[in-house]
Amino acid sequence: METVHQSMRQQGLVRPARGRVLGGVCAGLGQRFGIDPWPARLLFILILLLIPGSQILVYPILWIIMPAEPVAVTPPAGTMWATPVD
């Protein structure tokens, strides 16, 4: 599965950390093809309406296959990270 995720990352197909509504699949597809998330969602729904029942399979499969965008973890402002002292 890691090779599939790596391949998707190389192609720019990742689920972004921000702008998600459910799983980030449509936001990721929109980001990859250079369109805003909402038109990408509408286009995704219109395409899936052409083949009834396909949305039950396609969205969860894409959710599993598309890797999440890596998020850098930063400490909250105003907090100190203490290390234990012996």
PDB file of N, CA and C in Angstrom:
ATOM      1  N   MET A   1       0.823  -1.194   0.000  1.00  0.00           N
ATOM      2  CA  MET A   1       0.000   0.000   0.000  1.00  0.00           C
ATOM      3  C   MET A   1       0.871   1.263   0.000  1.00  0.00           C
ATOM      4  N   GLU A   2       2.048   1.155   0.607  1.00  0.00           N
ATOM      5  CA  GLU A   2       2.930   2.324   0.660  1.00  0.00           C
ATOM      6  C   GLU A   2       3.398   2.748  -0.729  1.00  0.00           C
ATOM      7  N   THR A   3       3.592   1.788  -1.629  1.00  0.00           N
ATOM      8  CA  THR A   3       4.012   2.144  -2.978  1.00  0.00           C
ATOM      9  C   THR A   3       2.896   2.881  -3.714  1.00  0.00           C
ATOM     10  N   VAL A   4       1.644   2.530  -3.433  1.00  0.00           N
ATOM     11  CA  VAL A   4       0.512   3.244  -4.031  1.00  0.00           C
ATOM     12  C   VAL A   4       0.476   4.671  -3.498  1.00  0.00           C
ATOM     13  N   HIS A   5       0.653   4.828  -2.192  1.00  0.00           N
ATOM     14  CA  HIS A   5       0.656   6.173  -1.604  1.00  0.00           C
ATOM     15  C   HIS A   5       1.809   7.007  -2.150  1.00  0.00           C
ATOM     16  N   GLN A   6       2.981   6.399  -2.283  1.00  0.00           N
ATOM     17  CA  GLN A   6       4.135   7.122  -2.812  1.00  0.00           C
ATOM     18  C   GLN A   6       3.883   7.552  -4.253  1.00  0.00           C
ATOM     19  N   SER A   7       3.290   6.693  -5.045  1.00  0.00           N
ATOM     20  CA  SER A   7       2.971   7.026  -6.431  1.00  0.00           C
ATOM     21  C   SER A   7       1.978   8.185  -6.503  1.00  0.00           C
ATOM     22  N   MET A   8       0.965   8.147  -5.643  1.00  0.00           N
ATOM     23  CA  MET A   8      -0.025   9.235  -5.608  1.00  0.00           C
ATOM     24  C   MET A   8       0.628  10.552  -5.200  1.00  0.00           C
ATOM     25  N   ARG A   9       1.525  10.498  -4.212  1.00  0.00           N
ATOM     26  CA  ARG A   9       2.219  11.720  -3.780  1.00  0.00           C
ATOM     27  C   ARG A   9       3.037  12.316  -4.922  1.00  0.00           C
ATOM     28  N   GLN A  10       3.715  11.463  -5.685  1.00  0.00           N
ATOM     29  CA  GLN A  10       4.530  11.938  -6.802  1.00  0.00           C
ATOM     30  C   GLN A  10       3.664  12.607  -7.867  1.00  0.00           C
ATOM     31  N   GLN A  11       2.432  12.137  -8.034  1.00  0.00           N
ATOM     32  CA  GLN A  11       1.527  12.717  -9.017  1.00  0.00           C
ATOM     33  C   GLN A  11       0.786  13.929  -8.475  1.00  0.00           C
ATOM     34  N   GLY A  12       0.952  14.233  -7.192  1.00  0.00           N
ATOM     35  CA  GLY A  12       0.297  15.388  -6.600  1.00  0.00           C
ATOM     36  C   GLY A  12      -1.104  15.108  -6.105  1.00  0.00           C
ATOM     37  N   LEU A  13      -1.470  13.843  -5.990  1.00  0.00           N
ATOM     38  CA  LEU A  13      -2.797  13.480  -5.500  1.00  0.00           C
ATOM     39  C   LEU A  13      -2.722  13.169  -4.012  1.00  0.00           C
ATOM     40  N   VAL A  14      -2.963  14.184  -3.195  1.00  0.00           N
ATOM     41  CA  VAL A  14      -2.988  14.012  -1.746  1.00  0.00           C
ATOM     42  C   VAL A  14      -4.234  14.682  -1.191  1.00  0.00           C
ATOM     43  N   ARG A  15      -4.702  14.182  -0.062  1.00  0.00           N
ATOM     44  CA  ARG A  15      -5.830  14.807   0.610  1.00  0.00           C
ATOM     45  C   ARG A  15      -5.277  15.925   1.488  1.00  0.00           C
ATOM     46  N   PRO A  16      -5.604  17.196   1.186  1.00  0.00           N
ATOM     47  CA  PRO A  16      -5.018  18.306   1.935  1.00  0.00           C
ATOM     48  C   PRO A  16      -5.485  18.328   3.389  1.00  0.00           C
ATOM     49  N   ALA A  17      -4.649  18.904   4.233  1.00  0.00           N
ATOM     50  CA  ALA A  17      -4.973  18.998   5.656  1.00  0.00           C
ATOM     51  C   ALA A  17      -6.066  20.034   5.893  1.00  0.00           C
ATOM     52  N   ARG A  18      -6.132  21.037   5.043  1.00  0.00           N
ATOM     53  CA  ARG A  18      -7.142  22.093   5.192  1.00  0.00           C
ATOM     54  C   ARG A  18      -8.094  22.071   4.007  1.00  0.00           C
ATOM     55  N   GLY A  19      -9.326  22.479   4.245  1.00  0.00           N
ATOM     56  CA  GLY A  19     -10.312  22.557   3.178  1.00  0.00           C
ATOM     57  C   GLY A  19     -11.103  21.280   2.993  1.00  0.00           C
ATOM     58  N   ARG A  20     -10.975  20.369   3.930  1.00  0.00           N
ATOM     59  CA  ARG A  20     -11.727  19.115   3.838  1.00  0.00           C
ATOM     60  C   ARG A  20     -13.156  19.320   4.278  1.00  0.00           C
ATOM     61  N   VAL A  21     -14.066  18.571   3.673  1.00  0.00           N
ATOM     62  CA  VAL A  21     -15.441  18.529   4.159  1.00  0.00           C
ATOM     63  C   VAL A  21     -15.682  17.176   4.809  1.00  0.00           C
ATOM     64  N   LEU A  22     -15.331  16.118   4.107  1.00  0.00           N
ATOM     65  CA  LEU A  22     -15.479  14.785   4.679  1.00  0.00           C
ATOM     66  C   LEU A  22     -14.092  14.146   4.797  1.00  0.00           C
ATOM     67  N   GLY A  23     -13.574  13.655   3.716  1.00  0.00           N
ATOM     68  CA  GLY A  23     -12.267  13.006   3.758  1.00  0.00           C
ATOM     69  C   GLY A  23     -11.185  13.767   3.024  1.00  0.00           C
ATOM     70  N   GLY A  24     -11.555  14.792   2.287  1.00  0.00           N
ATOM     71  CA  GLY A  24     -10.580  15.575   1.551  1.00  0.00           C
ATOM     72  C   GLY A  24     -10.312  15.075   0.143  1.00  0.00           C
ATOM     73  N   VAL A  25     -11.088  14.102  -0.315  1.00  0.00           N
ATOM     74  CA  VAL A  25     -10.865  13.529  -1.641  1.00  0.00           C
ATOM     75  C   VAL A  25     -11.113  14.570  -2.731  1.00  0.00           C
ATOM     76  N   CYS A  26     -12.255  15.234  -2.696  1.00  0.00           N
ATOM     77  CA  CYS A  26     -12.578  16.221  -3.742  1.00  0.00           C
ATOM     78  C   CYS A  26     -11.655  17.434  -3.657  1.00  0.00           C
ATOM     79  N   ALA A  27     -11.294  17.842  -2.453  1.00  0.00           N
ATOM     80  CA  ALA A  27     -10.352  18.957  -2.302  1.00  0.00           C
ATOM     81  C   ALA A  27      -8.998  18.577  -2.891  1.00  0.00           C
ATOM     82  N   GLY A  28      -8.578  17.339  -2.683  1.00  0.00           N
ATOM     83  CA  GLY A  28      -7.316  16.867  -3.249  1.00  0.00           C
ATOM     84  C   GLY A  28      -7.354  16.778  -4.758  1.00  0.00           C
ATOM     85  N   LEU A  29      -8.462  16.299  -5.300  1.00  0.00           N
ATOM     86  CA  LEU A  29      -8.604  16.239  -6.757  1.00  0.00           C
ATOM     87  C   LEU A  29      -8.617  17.643  -7.356  1.00  0.00           C
ATOM     88  N   GLY A  30      -9.331  18.558  -6.703  1.00  0.00           N
ATOM     89  CA  GLY A  30      -9.363  19.935  -7.182  1.00  0.00           C
ATOM     90  C   GLY A  30      -7.985  20.574  -7.139  1.00  0.00           C
ATOM     91  N   GLN A  31      -7.263  20.327  -6.056  1.00  0.00           N
ATOM     92  CA  GLN A  31      -5.912  20.875  -5.913  1.00  0.00           C
ATOM     93  C   GLN A  31      -4.999  20.329  -7.008  1.00  0.00           C
ATOM     94  N   ARG A  32      -5.126  19.056  -7.303  1.00  0.00           N
ATOM     95  CA  ARG A  32      -4.282  18.419  -8.321  1.00  0.00           C
ATOM     96  C   ARG A  32      -4.547  18.976  -9.713  1.00  0.00           C
ATOM     97  N   PHE A  33      -5.829  19.237 -10.025  1.00  0.00           N
ATOM     98  CA  PHE A  33      -6.185  19.712 -11.354  1.00  0.00           C
ATOM     99  C   PHE A  33      -6.332  21.229 -11.437  1.00  0.00           C
ATOM    100  N   GLY A  34      -5.999  21.938 -10.366  1.00  0.00           N
ATOM    101  CA  GLY A  34      -5.952  23.391 -10.393  1.00  0.00           C
ATOM    102  C   GLY A  34      -7.287  24.098 -10.324  1.00  0.00           C
ATOM    103  N   ILE A  35      -8.277  23.493  -9.677  1.00  0.00           N
ATOM    104  CA  ILE A  35      -9.565  24.164  -9.491  1.00  0.00           C
ATOM    105  C   ILE A  35      -9.882  24.225  -8.005  1.00  0.00           C
ATOM    106  N   ASP A  36     -10.776  25.142  -7.645  1.00  0.00           N
ATOM    107  CA  ASP A  36     -11.174  25.289  -6.252  1.00  0.00           C
ATOM    108  C   ASP A  36     -11.912  24.044  -5.776  1.00  0.00           C
ATOM    109  N   PRO A  37     -11.938  23.819  -4.456  1.00  0.00           N
ATOM    110  CA  PRO A  37     -12.588  22.611  -3.932  1.00  0.00           C
ATOM    111  C   PRO A  37     -14.082  22.515  -4.233  1.00  0.00           C
ATOM    112  N   TRP A  38     -14.827  23.618  -4.142  1.00  0.00           N
ATOM    113  CA  TRP A  38     -16.281  23.516  -4.346  1.00  0.00           C
ATOM    114  C   TRP A  38     -16.668  23.158  -5.775  1.00  0.00           C
ATOM    115  N   PRO A  39     -16.090  23.770  -6.788  1.00  0.00           N
ATOM    116  CA  PRO A  39     -16.392  23.292  -8.145  1.00  0.00           C
ATOM    117  C   PRO A  39     -15.943  21.847  -8.365  1.00  0.00           C
ATOM    118  N   ALA A  40     -14.852  21.446  -7.726  1.00  0.00           N
ATOM    119  CA  ALA A  40     -14.400  20.051  -7.844  1.00  0.00           C
ATOM    120  C   ALA A  40     -15.420  19.116  -7.210  1.00  0.00           C
ATOM    121  N   ARG A  41     -15.995  19.511  -6.082  1.00  0.00           N
ATOM    122  CA  ARG A  41     -17.016  18.693  -5.432  1.00  0.00           C
ATOM    123  C   ARG A  41     -18.261  18.570  -6.315  1.00  0.00           C
ATOM    124  N   LEU A  42     -18.680  19.692  -6.874  1.00  0.00           N
ATOM    125  CA  LEU A  42     -19.863  19.659  -7.743  1.00  0.00           C
ATOM    126  C   LEU A  42     -19.622  18.804  -8.981  1.00  0.00           C
ATOM    127  N   LEU A  43     -18.461  18.937  -9.567  1.00  0.00           N
ATOM    128  CA  LEU A  43     -18.117  18.134 -10.734  1.00  0.00           C
ATOM    129  C   LEU A  43     -18.056  16.651 -10.379  1.00  0.00           C
ATOM    130  N   PHE A  44     -17.487  16.331  -9.230  1.00  0.00           N
ATOM    131  CA  PHE A  44     -17.410  14.946  -8.761  1.00  0.00           C
ATOM    132  C   PHE A  44     -18.809  14.369  -8.587  1.00  0.00           C
ATOM    133  N   ILE A  45     -19.706  15.136  -7.988  1.00  0.00           N
ATOM    134  CA  ILE A  45     -21.087  14.675  -7.782  1.00  0.00           C
ATOM    135  C   ILE A  45     -21.796  14.488  -9.111  1.00  0.00           C
ATOM    136  N   LEU A  46     -21.626  15.431 -10.035  1.00  0.00           N
ATOM    137  CA  LEU A  46     -22.276  15.307 -11.346  1.00  0.00           C
ATOM    138  C   LEU A  46     -21.781  14.085 -12.110  1.00  0.00           C
ATOM    139  N   ILE A  47     -20.488  13.827 -12.044  1.00  0.00           N
ATOM    140  CA  ILE A  47     -19.949  12.652 -12.730  1.00  0.00           C
ATOM    141  C   ILE A  47     -20.477  11.374 -12.096  1.00  0.00           C
ATOM    142  N   LEU A  48     -20.548  11.348 -10.782  1.00  0.00           N
ATOM    143  CA  LEU A  48     -21.024  10.147 -10.099  1.00  0.00           C
ATOM    144  C   LEU A  48     -22.520   9.931 -10.290  1.00  0.00           C
ATOM    145  N   LEU A  49     -23.263  11.001 -10.566  1.00  0.00           N
ATOM    146  CA  LEU A  49     -24.692  10.842 -10.819  1.00  0.00           C
ATOM    147  C   LEU A  49     -24.960  10.178 -12.171  1.00  0.00           C
ATOM    148  N   LEU A  50     -23.995  10.248 -13.059  1.00  0.00           N
ATOM    149  CA  LEU A  50     -24.157   9.597 -14.354  1.00  0.00           C
ATOM    150  C   LEU A  50     -24.188   8.076 -14.216  1.00  0.00           C
ATOM    151  N   ILE A  51     -23.488   7.575 -13.204  1.00  0.00           N
ATOM    152  CA  ILE A  51     -23.452   6.128 -12.961  1.00  0.00           C
ATOM    153  C   ILE A  51     -24.015   5.906 -11.553  1.00  0.00           C
ATOM    154  N   PRO A  52     -25.319   5.657 -11.421  1.00  0.00           N
ATOM    155  CA  PRO A  52     -25.924   5.518 -10.090  1.00  0.00           C
ATOM    156  C   PRO A  52     -25.274   4.408  -9.261  1.00  0.00           C
ATOM    157  N   GLY A  53     -25.037   4.721  -7.993  1.00  0.00           N
ATOM    158  CA  GLY A  53     -24.442   3.762  -7.076  1.00  0.00           C
ATOM    159  C   GLY A  53     -22.934   3.778  -7.043  1.00  0.00           C
ATOM    160  N   SER A  54     -22.314   4.435  -8.012  1.00  0.00           N
ATOM    161  CA  SER A  54     -20.856   4.425  -8.067  1.00  0.00           C
ATOM    162  C   SER A  54     -20.234   5.221  -6.923  1.00  0.00           C
ATOM    163  N   GLN A  55     -20.939   6.230  -6.426  1.00  0.00           N
ATOM    164  CA  GLN A  55     -20.378   7.039  -5.354  1.00  0.00           C
ATOM    165  C   GLN A  55     -20.161   6.229  -4.080  1.00  0.00           C
ATOM    166  N   ILE A  56     -20.920   5.150  -3.926  1.00  0.00           N
ATOM    167  CA  ILE A  56     -20.756   4.298  -2.753  1.00  0.00           C
ATOM    168  C   ILE A  56     -19.400   3.594  -2.801  1.00  0.00           C
ATOM    169  N   LEU A  57     -18.898   3.330  -3.996  1.00  0.00           N
ATOM    170  CA  LEU A  57     -17.611   2.657  -4.145  1.00  0.00           C
ATOM    171  C   LEU A  57     -16.451   3.609  -4.394  1.00  0.00           C
ATOM    172  N   VAL A  58     -16.651   4.592  -5.249  1.00  0.00           N
ATOM    173  CA  VAL A  58     -15.550   5.433  -5.709  1.00  0.00           C
ATOM    174  C   VAL A  58     -14.980   6.299  -4.584  1.00  0.00           C
ATOM    175  N   TYR A  59     -15.819   7.006  -3.840  1.00  0.00           N
ATOM    176  CA  TYR A  59     -15.311   7.919  -2.814  1.00  0.00           C
ATOM    177  C   TYR A  59     -14.535   7.183  -1.724  1.00  0.00           C
ATOM    178  N   PRO A  60     -15.067   6.102  -1.135  1.00  0.00           N
ATOM    179  CA  PRO A  60     -14.275   5.400  -0.110  1.00  0.00           C
ATOM    180  C   PRO A  60     -12.970   4.805  -0.647  1.00  0.00           C
ATOM    181  N   ILE A  61     -12.994   4.329  -1.887  1.00  0.00           N
ATOM    182  CA  ILE A  61     -11.761   3.780  -2.460  1.00  0.00           C
ATOM    183  C   ILE A  61     -10.722   4.878  -2.624  1.00  0.00           C
ATOM    184  N   LEU A  62     -11.140   6.036  -3.134  1.00  0.00           N
ATOM    185  CA  LEU A  62     -10.202   7.152  -3.264  1.00  0.00           C
ATOM    186  C   LEU A  62      -9.722   7.633  -1.899  1.00  0.00           C
ATOM    187  N   TRP A  63     -10.595   7.589  -0.898  1.00  0.00           N
ATOM    188  CA  TRP A  63     -10.230   8.003   0.458  1.00  0.00           C
ATOM    189  C   TRP A  63      -9.118   7.104   0.988  1.00  0.00           C
ATOM    190  N   ILE A  64      -9.191   5.823   0.687  1.00  0.00           N
ATOM    191  CA  ILE A  64      -8.174   4.879   1.149  1.00  0.00           C
ATOM    192  C   ILE A  64      -6.889   5.013   0.345  1.00  0.00           C
ATOM    193  N   ILE A  65      -7.022   5.172  -0.968  1.00  0.00           N
ATOM    194  CA  ILE A  65      -5.852   5.194  -1.843  1.00  0.00           C
ATOM    195  C   ILE A  65      -5.068   6.497  -1.747  1.00  0.00           C
ATOM    196  N   MET A  66      -5.765   7.632  -1.661  1.00  0.00           N
ATOM    197  CA  MET A  66      -5.072   8.926  -1.628  1.00  0.00           C
ATOM    198  C   MET A  66      -4.467   9.161  -0.249  1.00  0.00           C
ATOM    199  N   PRO A  67      -3.167   9.424  -0.187  1.00  0.00           N
ATOM    200  CA  PRO A  67      -2.537   9.670   1.110  1.00  0.00           C
ATOM    201  C   PRO A  67      -2.879  11.057   1.634  1.00  0.00           C
ATOM    202  N   ALA A  68      -2.850  11.198   2.944  1.00  0.00           N
ATOM    203  CA  ALA A  68      -3.071  12.503   3.556  1.00  0.00           C
ATOM    204  C   ALA A  68      -1.812  13.349   3.381  1.00  0.00           C
ATOM    205  N   GLU A  69      -2.027  14.638   3.252  1.00  0.00           N
ATOM    206  CA  GLU A  69      -0.917  15.567   3.121  1.00  0.00           C
ATOM    207  C   GLU A  69      -0.136  15.597   4.434  1.00  0.00           C
ATOM    208  N   PRO A  70       1.186  15.526   4.382  1.00  0.00           N
ATOM    209  CA  PRO A  70       1.956  15.582   5.629  1.00  0.00           C
ATOM    210  C   PRO A  70       1.789  16.940   6.296  1.00  0.00           C
ATOM    211  N   VAL A  71       1.610  16.899   7.605  1.00  0.00           N
ATOM    212  CA  VAL A  71       1.401  18.124   8.378  1.00  0.00           C
ATOM    213  C   VAL A  71       2.567  18.292   9.333  1.00  0.00           C
ATOM    214  N   ALA A  72       3.168  19.472   9.319  1.00  0.00           N
ATOM    215  CA  ALA A  72       4.248  19.770  10.252  1.00  0.00           C
ATOM    216  C   ALA A  72       3.647  20.087  11.614  1.00  0.00           C
ATOM    217  N   VAL A  73       4.160  19.452  12.637  1.00  0.00           N
ATOM    218  CA  VAL A  73       3.654  19.674  13.987  1.00  0.00           C
ATOM    219  C   VAL A  73       4.475  20.773  14.625  1.00  0.00           C
ATOM    220  N   THR A  74       3.795  21.832  15.034  1.00  0.00           N
ATOM    221  CA  THR A  74       4.454  22.944  15.723  1.00  0.00           C
ATOM    222  C   THR A  74       3.807  23.121  17.085  1.00  0.00           C
ATOM    223  N   PRO A  75       4.589  23.492  18.089  1.00  0.00           N
ATOM    224  CA  PRO A  75       3.998  23.687  19.415  1.00  0.00           C
ATOM    225  C   PRO A  75       3.096  24.914  19.422  1.00  0.00           C
ATOM    226  N   PRO A  76       2.041  24.891  20.232  1.00  0.00           N
ATOM    227  CA  PRO A  76       1.166  26.062  20.328  1.00  0.00           C
ATOM    228  C   PRO A  76       1.932  27.266  20.861  1.00  0.00           C
ATOM    229  N   ALA A  77       1.535  28.442  20.438  1.00  0.00           N
ATOM    230  CA  ALA A  77       2.202  29.672  20.868  1.00  0.00           C
ATOM    231  C   ALA A  77       2.029  29.858  22.368  1.00  0.00           C
ATOM    232  N   GLY A  78       3.091  30.283  23.016  1.00  0.00           N
ATOM    233  CA  GLY A  78       3.031  30.579  24.442  1.00  0.00           C
ATOM    234  C   GLY A  78       3.243  29.369  25.335  1.00  0.00           C
ATOM    235  N   THR A  79       3.591  28.230  24.776  1.00  0.00           N
ATOM    236  CA  THR A  79       3.846  27.060  25.611  1.00  0.00           C
ATOM    237  C   THR A  79       5.319  26.726  25.566  1.00  0.00           C
ATOM    238  N   MET A  80       5.779  26.118  26.618  1.00  0.00           N
ATOM    239  CA  MET A  80       7.176  25.713  26.684  1.00  0.00           C
ATOM    240  C   MET A  80       7.235  24.199  26.673  1.00  0.00           C
ATOM    241  N   TRP A  81       8.141  23.677  25.903  1.00  0.00           N
ATOM    242  CA  TRP A  81       8.336  22.235  25.873  1.00  0.00           C
ATOM    243  C   TRP A  81       9.432  21.910  26.864  1.00  0.00           C
ATOM    244  N   ALA A  82       9.059  21.297  27.936  1.00  0.00           N
ATOM    245  CA  ALA A  82      10.025  20.980  28.983  1.00  0.00           C
ATOM    246  C   ALA A  82      10.527  19.561  28.802  1.00  0.00           C
ATOM    247  N   THR A  83      11.784  19.374  29.102  1.00  0.00           N
ATOM    248  CA  THR A  83      12.340  18.027  29.108  1.00  0.00           C
ATOM    249  C   THR A  83      12.559  17.617  30.546  1.00  0.00           C
ATOM    250  N   PRO A  84      12.357  16.362  30.853  1.00  0.00           N
ATOM    251  CA  PRO A  84      12.530  15.917  32.232  1.00  0.00           C
ATOM    252  C   PRO A  84      13.983  16.036  32.660  1.00  0.00           C
ATOM    253  N   VAL A  85      14.171  16.467  33.881  1.00  0.00           N
ATOM    254  CA  VAL A  85      15.500  16.632  34.439  1.00  0.00           C
ATOM    255  C   VAL A  85      15.728  15.541  35.469  1.00  0.00           C
ATOM    256  N   ASP A  86      16.882  14.881  35.406  1.00  0.00           N
ATOM    257  CA  ASP A  86      17.175  13.806  36.360  1.00  0.00           C
ATOM    258  C   ASP A  86      17.620  14.368  37.694  1.00  0.00           C
TER     259      ASP A  86
END
